[in-house]
């Protein structure tokens, strides 16, 4: 049983390496993640705030990976430009946009008061 789990983990790790290597937007999200985590340590988030921030980060990263997988699958199944393929890709990108907006709102709610207090 252990061998199967490690193989599955290897495949998942390979997928994360591939999306990091090939997808510019994913790298941007990783950079923003590092920035948010750094600021979180600087403003000393409490455990609940950390949970919410980490969940929001995870939501964005998961939707970005899913969007990338959907785009690659559509390109594989139908390399020609097709109106239906465009709609599918746009919808997947829309999911990332929703996740990013939610994460940004969470970030504003949690970080703005703390950053404001630093300047008072």
N, C-alpha and C. Protein backbone atom coordinates (compact mmCIF):
# COMPACT_ATOMS: atom_id res chain seq x y z
N UNK A 1 0.81 -1.20 0.00
CA UNK A 1 0.00 0.00 0.00
C UNK A 1 0.86 1.27 0.00
N UNK A 2 1.96 1.23 0.72
CA UNK A 2 2.80 2.41 0.82
C UNK A 2 3.35 2.86 -0.54
N UNK A 3 3.70 1.91 -1.39
CA UNK A 3 4.23 2.24 -2.71
C UNK A 3 3.23 3.01 -3.56
N UNK A 4 1.96 2.62 -3.50
CA UNK A 4 0.92 3.30 -4.27
C UNK A 4 0.76 4.74 -3.81
N UNK A 5 0.82 4.96 -2.52
CA UNK A 5 0.68 6.32 -2.00
C UNK A 5 1.84 7.20 -2.43
N UNK A 6 3.05 6.65 -2.39
CA UNK A 6 4.20 7.46 -2.77
C UNK A 6 4.19 7.76 -4.27
N UNK A 7 3.67 6.83 -5.08
CA UNK A 7 3.56 7.07 -6.52
C UNK A 7 2.55 8.18 -6.77
N UNK A 8 1.40 8.14 -6.07
CA UNK A 8 0.39 9.18 -6.21
C UNK A 8 0.94 10.54 -5.81
N UNK A 9 1.70 10.57 -4.72
CA UNK A 9 2.32 11.81 -4.27
C UNK A 9 3.31 12.31 -5.32
N UNK A 10 4.07 11.40 -5.91
CA UNK A 10 5.04 11.77 -6.94
C UNK A 10 4.33 12.39 -8.14
N UNK A 11 3.22 11.80 -8.57
CA UNK A 11 2.46 12.37 -9.68
C UNK A 11 1.94 13.76 -9.34
N UNK A 12 1.42 13.90 -8.12
CA UNK A 12 0.90 15.21 -7.69
C UNK A 12 2.02 16.24 -7.64
N UNK A 13 3.17 15.85 -7.09
CA UNK A 13 4.31 16.75 -7.01
C UNK A 13 4.78 17.16 -8.41
N UNK A 14 4.81 16.19 -9.33
CA UNK A 14 5.17 16.50 -10.72
C UNK A 14 4.20 17.50 -11.34
N UNK A 15 2.92 17.35 -11.03
CA UNK A 15 1.92 18.28 -11.54
C UNK A 15 2.15 19.69 -11.00
N UNK A 16 2.49 19.80 -9.73
CA UNK A 16 2.76 21.12 -9.14
C UNK A 16 4.03 21.73 -9.74
N UNK A 17 5.04 20.90 -9.96
CA UNK A 17 6.26 21.41 -10.60
C UNK A 17 5.95 21.91 -12.01
N UNK A 18 5.14 21.16 -12.74
CA UNK A 18 4.80 21.54 -14.11
C UNK A 18 4.01 22.84 -14.15
N UNK A 19 3.01 22.97 -13.29
CA UNK A 19 2.21 24.20 -13.31
C UNK A 19 3.07 25.39 -12.88
N UNK A 20 4.00 25.18 -11.97
CA UNK A 20 4.89 26.27 -11.57
C UNK A 20 5.83 26.65 -12.71
N UNK A 21 6.32 25.66 -13.42
CA UNK A 21 7.26 25.90 -14.51
C UNK A 21 6.59 26.57 -15.71
N UNK A 22 5.35 26.20 -16.00
CA UNK A 22 4.73 26.62 -17.26
C UNK A 22 3.69 27.72 -17.15
N UNK A 23 3.16 27.95 -15.97
CA UNK A 23 2.05 28.90 -15.84
C UNK A 23 2.46 30.16 -15.10
N UNK A 24 2.57 31.25 -15.84
CA UNK A 24 2.99 32.54 -15.29
C UNK A 24 2.06 33.00 -14.17
N UNK A 25 0.75 32.86 -14.36
CA UNK A 25 -0.20 33.31 -13.34
C UNK A 25 -0.03 32.55 -12.03
N UNK A 26 0.28 31.26 -12.12
CA UNK A 26 0.50 30.49 -10.90
C UNK A 26 1.72 31.02 -10.15
N UNK A 27 2.78 31.34 -10.89
CA UNK A 27 3.97 31.92 -10.26
C UNK A 27 3.66 33.26 -9.62
N UNK A 28 2.81 34.05 -10.25
CA UNK A 28 2.38 35.33 -9.66
C UNK A 28 1.64 35.06 -8.36
N UNK A 29 0.75 34.08 -8.36
CA UNK A 29 0.01 33.74 -7.13
C UNK A 29 0.96 33.25 -6.04
N UNK A 30 1.99 32.51 -6.41
CA UNK A 30 2.97 32.06 -5.41
C UNK A 30 3.74 33.24 -4.83
N UNK A 31 4.09 34.21 -5.67
CA UNK A 31 4.78 35.41 -5.19
C UNK A 31 3.89 36.17 -4.21
N UNK A 32 2.62 36.36 -4.58
CA UNK A 32 1.68 37.05 -3.69
C UNK A 32 1.50 36.26 -2.40
N UNK A 33 1.47 34.93 -2.49
CA UNK A 33 1.39 34.10 -1.29
C UNK A 33 2.56 34.38 -0.35
N UNK A 34 3.76 34.40 -0.90
CA UNK A 34 4.95 34.68 -0.07
C UNK A 34 4.85 36.06 0.56
N UNK A 35 4.38 37.03 -0.18
CA UNK A 35 4.22 38.39 0.33
C UNK A 35 3.19 38.42 1.46
N UNK A 36 2.05 37.79 1.26
CA UNK A 36 0.99 37.76 2.28
C UNK A 36 1.48 37.05 3.54
N UNK A 37 2.17 35.92 3.37
CA UNK A 37 2.68 35.20 4.54
C UNK A 37 3.68 36.04 5.32
N UNK A 38 4.55 36.74 4.60
CA UNK A 38 5.52 37.61 5.25
C UNK A 38 4.83 38.72 6.04
N UNK A 39 3.87 39.37 5.40
CA UNK A 39 3.13 40.43 6.08
C UNK A 39 2.36 39.86 7.28
N UNK A 40 1.82 38.66 7.11
CA UNK A 40 1.10 38.02 8.21
C UNK A 40 1.98 37.83 9.44
N UNK A 41 3.24 37.44 9.23
CA UNK A 41 4.16 37.31 10.35
C UNK A 41 4.49 38.67 10.95
N UNK A 42 4.66 39.66 10.10
CA UNK A 42 5.02 41.00 10.58
C UNK A 42 3.91 41.64 11.43
N UNK A 43 2.66 41.44 11.03
CA UNK A 43 1.55 42.03 11.78
C UNK A 43 1.01 41.09 12.85
N UNK A 44 1.62 39.93 12.99
CA UNK A 44 1.29 38.95 14.03
C UNK A 44 -0.19 38.53 14.01
N UNK A 45 -0.57 37.89 12.92
CA UNK A 45 -1.92 37.37 12.82
C UNK A 45 -2.18 36.37 13.94
N UNK A 46 -3.42 36.31 14.43
CA UNK A 46 -3.76 35.28 15.42
C UNK A 46 -4.10 33.98 14.68
N UNK A 47 -4.34 32.91 15.41
CA UNK A 47 -4.53 31.61 14.79
C UNK A 47 -5.75 31.58 13.87
N UNK A 48 -6.84 32.25 14.25
CA UNK A 48 -8.03 32.27 13.40
C UNK A 48 -7.77 33.04 12.12
N UNK A 49 -7.09 34.16 12.22
CA UNK A 49 -6.74 34.93 11.03
C UNK A 49 -5.84 34.12 10.10
N UNK A 50 -4.87 33.39 10.68
CA UNK A 50 -4.01 32.53 9.87
C UNK A 50 -4.84 31.48 9.14
N UNK A 51 -5.79 30.87 9.84
CA UNK A 51 -6.63 29.84 9.21
C UNK A 51 -7.39 30.42 8.02
N UNK A 52 -7.95 31.60 8.20
CA UNK A 52 -8.73 32.22 7.13
C UNK A 52 -7.83 32.60 5.96
N UNK A 53 -6.67 33.19 6.25
CA UNK A 53 -5.74 33.60 5.20
C UNK A 53 -5.23 32.38 4.43
N UNK A 54 -4.85 31.34 5.15
CA UNK A 54 -4.34 30.12 4.50
C UNK A 54 -5.43 29.49 3.64
N UNK A 55 -6.66 29.49 4.13
CA UNK A 55 -7.77 28.95 3.34
C UNK A 55 -7.96 29.75 2.06
N UNK A 56 -7.90 31.08 2.16
CA UNK A 56 -8.07 31.94 0.99
C UNK A 56 -6.94 31.70 -0.01
N UNK A 57 -5.71 31.59 0.48
CA UNK A 57 -4.57 31.30 -0.40
C UNK A 57 -4.78 29.96 -1.10
N UNK A 58 -5.18 28.96 -0.34
CA UNK A 58 -5.42 27.64 -0.91
C UNK A 58 -6.50 27.66 -1.97
N UNK A 59 -7.57 28.43 -1.72
CA UNK A 59 -8.65 28.55 -2.69
C UNK A 59 -8.14 29.08 -4.02
N UNK A 60 -7.31 30.12 -3.96
CA UNK A 60 -6.78 30.71 -5.19
C UNK A 60 -5.85 29.73 -5.91
N UNK A 61 -4.94 29.12 -5.15
CA UNK A 61 -3.98 28.20 -5.78
C UNK A 61 -4.67 26.99 -6.39
N UNK A 62 -5.64 26.44 -5.70
CA UNK A 62 -6.37 25.27 -6.23
C UNK A 62 -7.14 25.65 -7.49
N UNK A 63 -7.80 26.80 -7.49
CA UNK A 63 -8.54 27.18 -8.70
C UNK A 63 -7.59 27.48 -9.86
N UNK A 64 -6.43 28.03 -9.56
CA UNK A 64 -5.46 28.31 -10.63
C UNK A 64 -4.93 27.01 -11.24
N UNK A 65 -4.63 26.02 -10.40
CA UNK A 65 -4.16 24.73 -10.91
C UNK A 65 -5.28 24.06 -11.72
N UNK A 66 -6.49 24.11 -11.22
CA UNK A 66 -7.63 23.52 -11.93
C UNK A 66 -7.85 24.22 -13.27
N UNK A 67 -7.78 25.54 -13.28
CA UNK A 67 -7.91 26.30 -14.52
C UNK A 67 -6.83 25.89 -15.52
N UNK A 68 -5.60 25.76 -15.06
CA UNK A 68 -4.51 25.37 -15.95
C UNK A 68 -4.74 23.97 -16.51
N UNK A 69 -5.21 23.06 -15.67
CA UNK A 69 -5.47 21.70 -16.13
C UNK A 69 -6.60 21.69 -17.18
N UNK A 70 -7.64 22.47 -16.93
CA UNK A 70 -8.75 22.54 -17.89
C UNK A 70 -8.26 23.11 -19.22
N UNK A 71 -7.46 24.18 -19.16
CA UNK A 71 -6.94 24.77 -20.41
C UNK A 71 -6.09 23.78 -21.19
N UNK A 72 -5.21 23.05 -20.49
CA UNK A 72 -4.36 22.07 -21.17
C UNK A 72 -5.20 20.93 -21.75
N UNK A 73 -6.23 20.51 -21.02
CA UNK A 73 -7.08 19.43 -21.51
C UNK A 73 -7.84 19.87 -22.77
N UNK A 74 -8.38 21.07 -22.76
CA UNK A 74 -9.10 21.58 -23.93
C UNK A 74 -8.15 21.68 -25.12
N UNK A 75 -6.94 22.19 -24.89
CA UNK A 75 -5.96 22.30 -25.98
C UNK A 75 -5.60 20.92 -26.52
N UNK A 76 -5.53 19.93 -25.65
CA UNK A 76 -5.20 18.56 -26.06
C UNK A 76 -6.35 17.95 -26.88
N UNK A 77 -7.58 18.14 -26.39
CA UNK A 77 -8.73 17.53 -27.05
C UNK A 77 -9.08 18.21 -28.36
N UNK A 78 -8.88 19.53 -28.41
CA UNK A 78 -9.25 20.27 -29.61
C UNK A 78 -8.27 21.43 -29.79
N UNK A 79 -7.13 21.17 -30.43
CA UNK A 79 -6.12 22.23 -30.60
C UNK A 79 -6.60 23.41 -31.44
N UNK A 80 -7.59 23.19 -32.29
CA UNK A 80 -8.12 24.29 -33.11
C UNK A 80 -8.94 25.23 -32.22
N UNK A 81 -8.95 26.49 -32.60
CA UNK A 81 -9.75 27.46 -31.85
C UNK A 81 -11.22 27.19 -32.15
N UNK A 82 -11.99 27.03 -31.08
CA UNK A 82 -13.41 26.72 -31.22
C UNK A 82 -14.18 27.57 -30.21
N UNK A 83 -15.33 28.11 -30.59
CA UNK A 83 -16.08 28.97 -29.66
C UNK A 83 -16.43 28.27 -28.34
N UNK A 84 -16.77 26.99 -28.39
CA UNK A 84 -17.10 26.27 -27.16
C UNK A 84 -15.87 26.10 -26.27
N UNK A 85 -14.72 25.85 -26.89
CA UNK A 85 -13.48 25.71 -26.12
C UNK A 85 -13.16 27.03 -25.42
N UNK A 86 -13.38 28.13 -26.11
CA UNK A 86 -13.12 29.45 -25.52
C UNK A 86 -14.02 29.68 -24.31
N UNK A 87 -15.28 29.32 -24.43
CA UNK A 87 -16.22 29.50 -23.32
C UNK A 87 -15.79 28.67 -22.11
N UNK A 88 -15.38 27.43 -22.36
CA UNK A 88 -14.93 26.56 -21.26
C UNK A 88 -13.72 27.18 -20.57
N UNK A 89 -12.75 27.63 -21.35
CA UNK A 89 -11.55 28.26 -20.78
C UNK A 89 -11.90 29.54 -20.03
N UNK A 90 -12.80 30.33 -20.59
CA UNK A 90 -13.20 31.58 -19.93
C UNK A 90 -13.90 31.31 -18.60
N UNK A 91 -14.72 30.28 -18.58
CA UNK A 91 -15.42 29.93 -17.34
C UNK A 91 -14.42 29.49 -16.26
N UNK A 92 -13.43 28.69 -16.65
CA UNK A 92 -12.42 28.25 -15.69
C UNK A 92 -11.61 29.44 -15.19
N UNK A 93 -11.28 30.36 -16.09
CA UNK A 93 -10.56 31.57 -15.67
C UNK A 93 -11.44 32.42 -14.76
N UNK A 94 -12.73 32.43 -15.02
CA UNK A 94 -13.66 33.15 -14.15
C UNK A 94 -13.67 32.61 -12.74
N UNK A 95 -13.52 31.30 -12.59
CA UNK A 95 -13.44 30.70 -11.26
C UNK A 95 -12.22 31.23 -10.51
N UNK A 96 -11.10 31.37 -11.20
CA UNK A 96 -9.89 31.92 -10.59
C UNK A 96 -10.13 33.37 -10.17
N UNK A 97 -10.79 34.13 -11.04
CA UNK A 97 -11.07 35.53 -10.72
C UNK A 97 -11.94 35.64 -9.46
N UNK A 98 -12.97 34.81 -9.37
CA UNK A 98 -13.82 34.82 -8.17
C UNK A 98 -13.00 34.51 -6.93
N UNK A 99 -12.16 33.47 -7.00
CA UNK A 99 -11.33 33.09 -5.86
C UNK A 99 -10.37 34.22 -5.48
N UNK A 100 -9.78 34.86 -6.48
CA UNK A 100 -8.84 35.95 -6.21
C UNK A 100 -9.54 37.15 -5.59
N UNK A 101 -10.74 37.46 -6.04
CA UNK A 101 -11.50 38.57 -5.45
C UNK A 101 -11.85 38.26 -4.00
N UNK A 102 -12.30 37.05 -3.75
CA UNK A 102 -12.62 36.64 -2.38
C UNK A 102 -11.38 36.75 -1.50
N UNK A 103 -10.25 36.24 -1.99
CA UNK A 103 -9.01 36.30 -1.22
C UNK A 103 -8.59 37.74 -0.95
N UNK A 104 -8.73 38.60 -1.96
CA UNK A 104 -8.36 40.01 -1.79
C UNK A 104 -9.26 40.67 -0.74
N UNK A 105 -10.55 40.39 -0.78
CA UNK A 105 -11.46 40.95 0.22
C UNK A 105 -11.11 40.47 1.63
N UNK A 106 -10.82 39.18 1.75
CA UNK A 106 -10.40 38.64 3.04
C UNK A 106 -9.12 39.34 3.50
N UNK A 107 -8.18 39.49 2.57
CA UNK A 107 -6.94 40.18 2.91
C UNK A 107 -7.17 41.59 3.39
N UNK A 108 -8.04 42.32 2.70
CA UNK A 108 -8.34 43.69 3.12
C UNK A 108 -8.96 43.72 4.52
N UNK A 109 -9.92 42.84 4.75
CA UNK A 109 -10.60 42.80 6.05
C UNK A 109 -9.62 42.48 7.18
N UNK A 110 -8.71 41.57 6.94
CA UNK A 110 -7.79 41.13 8.00
C UNK A 110 -6.58 42.06 8.12
N UNK A 111 -6.01 42.47 6.99
CA UNK A 111 -4.74 43.19 7.04
C UNK A 111 -4.87 44.71 7.19
N UNK A 112 -5.87 45.32 6.60
CA UNK A 112 -5.96 46.79 6.66
C UNK A 112 -6.00 47.34 8.08
N UNK A 113 -6.84 46.80 8.96
CA UNK A 113 -6.83 47.34 10.34
C UNK A 113 -5.47 47.17 11.03
N UNK A 114 -4.80 46.06 10.79
CA UNK A 114 -3.51 45.81 11.42
C UNK A 114 -2.43 46.75 10.86
N UNK A 115 -2.45 46.96 9.57
CA UNK A 115 -1.48 47.87 8.96
C UNK A 115 -1.77 49.31 9.39
N UNK A 116 -3.04 49.65 9.48
CA UNK A 116 -3.44 50.97 9.96
C UNK A 116 -2.91 51.23 11.37
N UNK A 117 -3.02 50.23 12.22
CA UNK A 117 -2.55 50.36 13.62
C UNK A 117 -1.03 50.54 13.69
N UNK A 118 -0.30 50.07 12.71
CA UNK A 118 1.14 50.26 12.70
C UNK A 118 1.52 51.73 12.51
N UNK A 119 0.65 52.48 11.86
CA UNK A 119 0.95 53.88 11.53
C UNK A 119 0.32 54.87 12.50
N UNK A 120 -0.37 54.39 13.49
CA UNK A 120 -0.98 55.29 14.47
C UNK A 120 -0.04 55.49 15.66
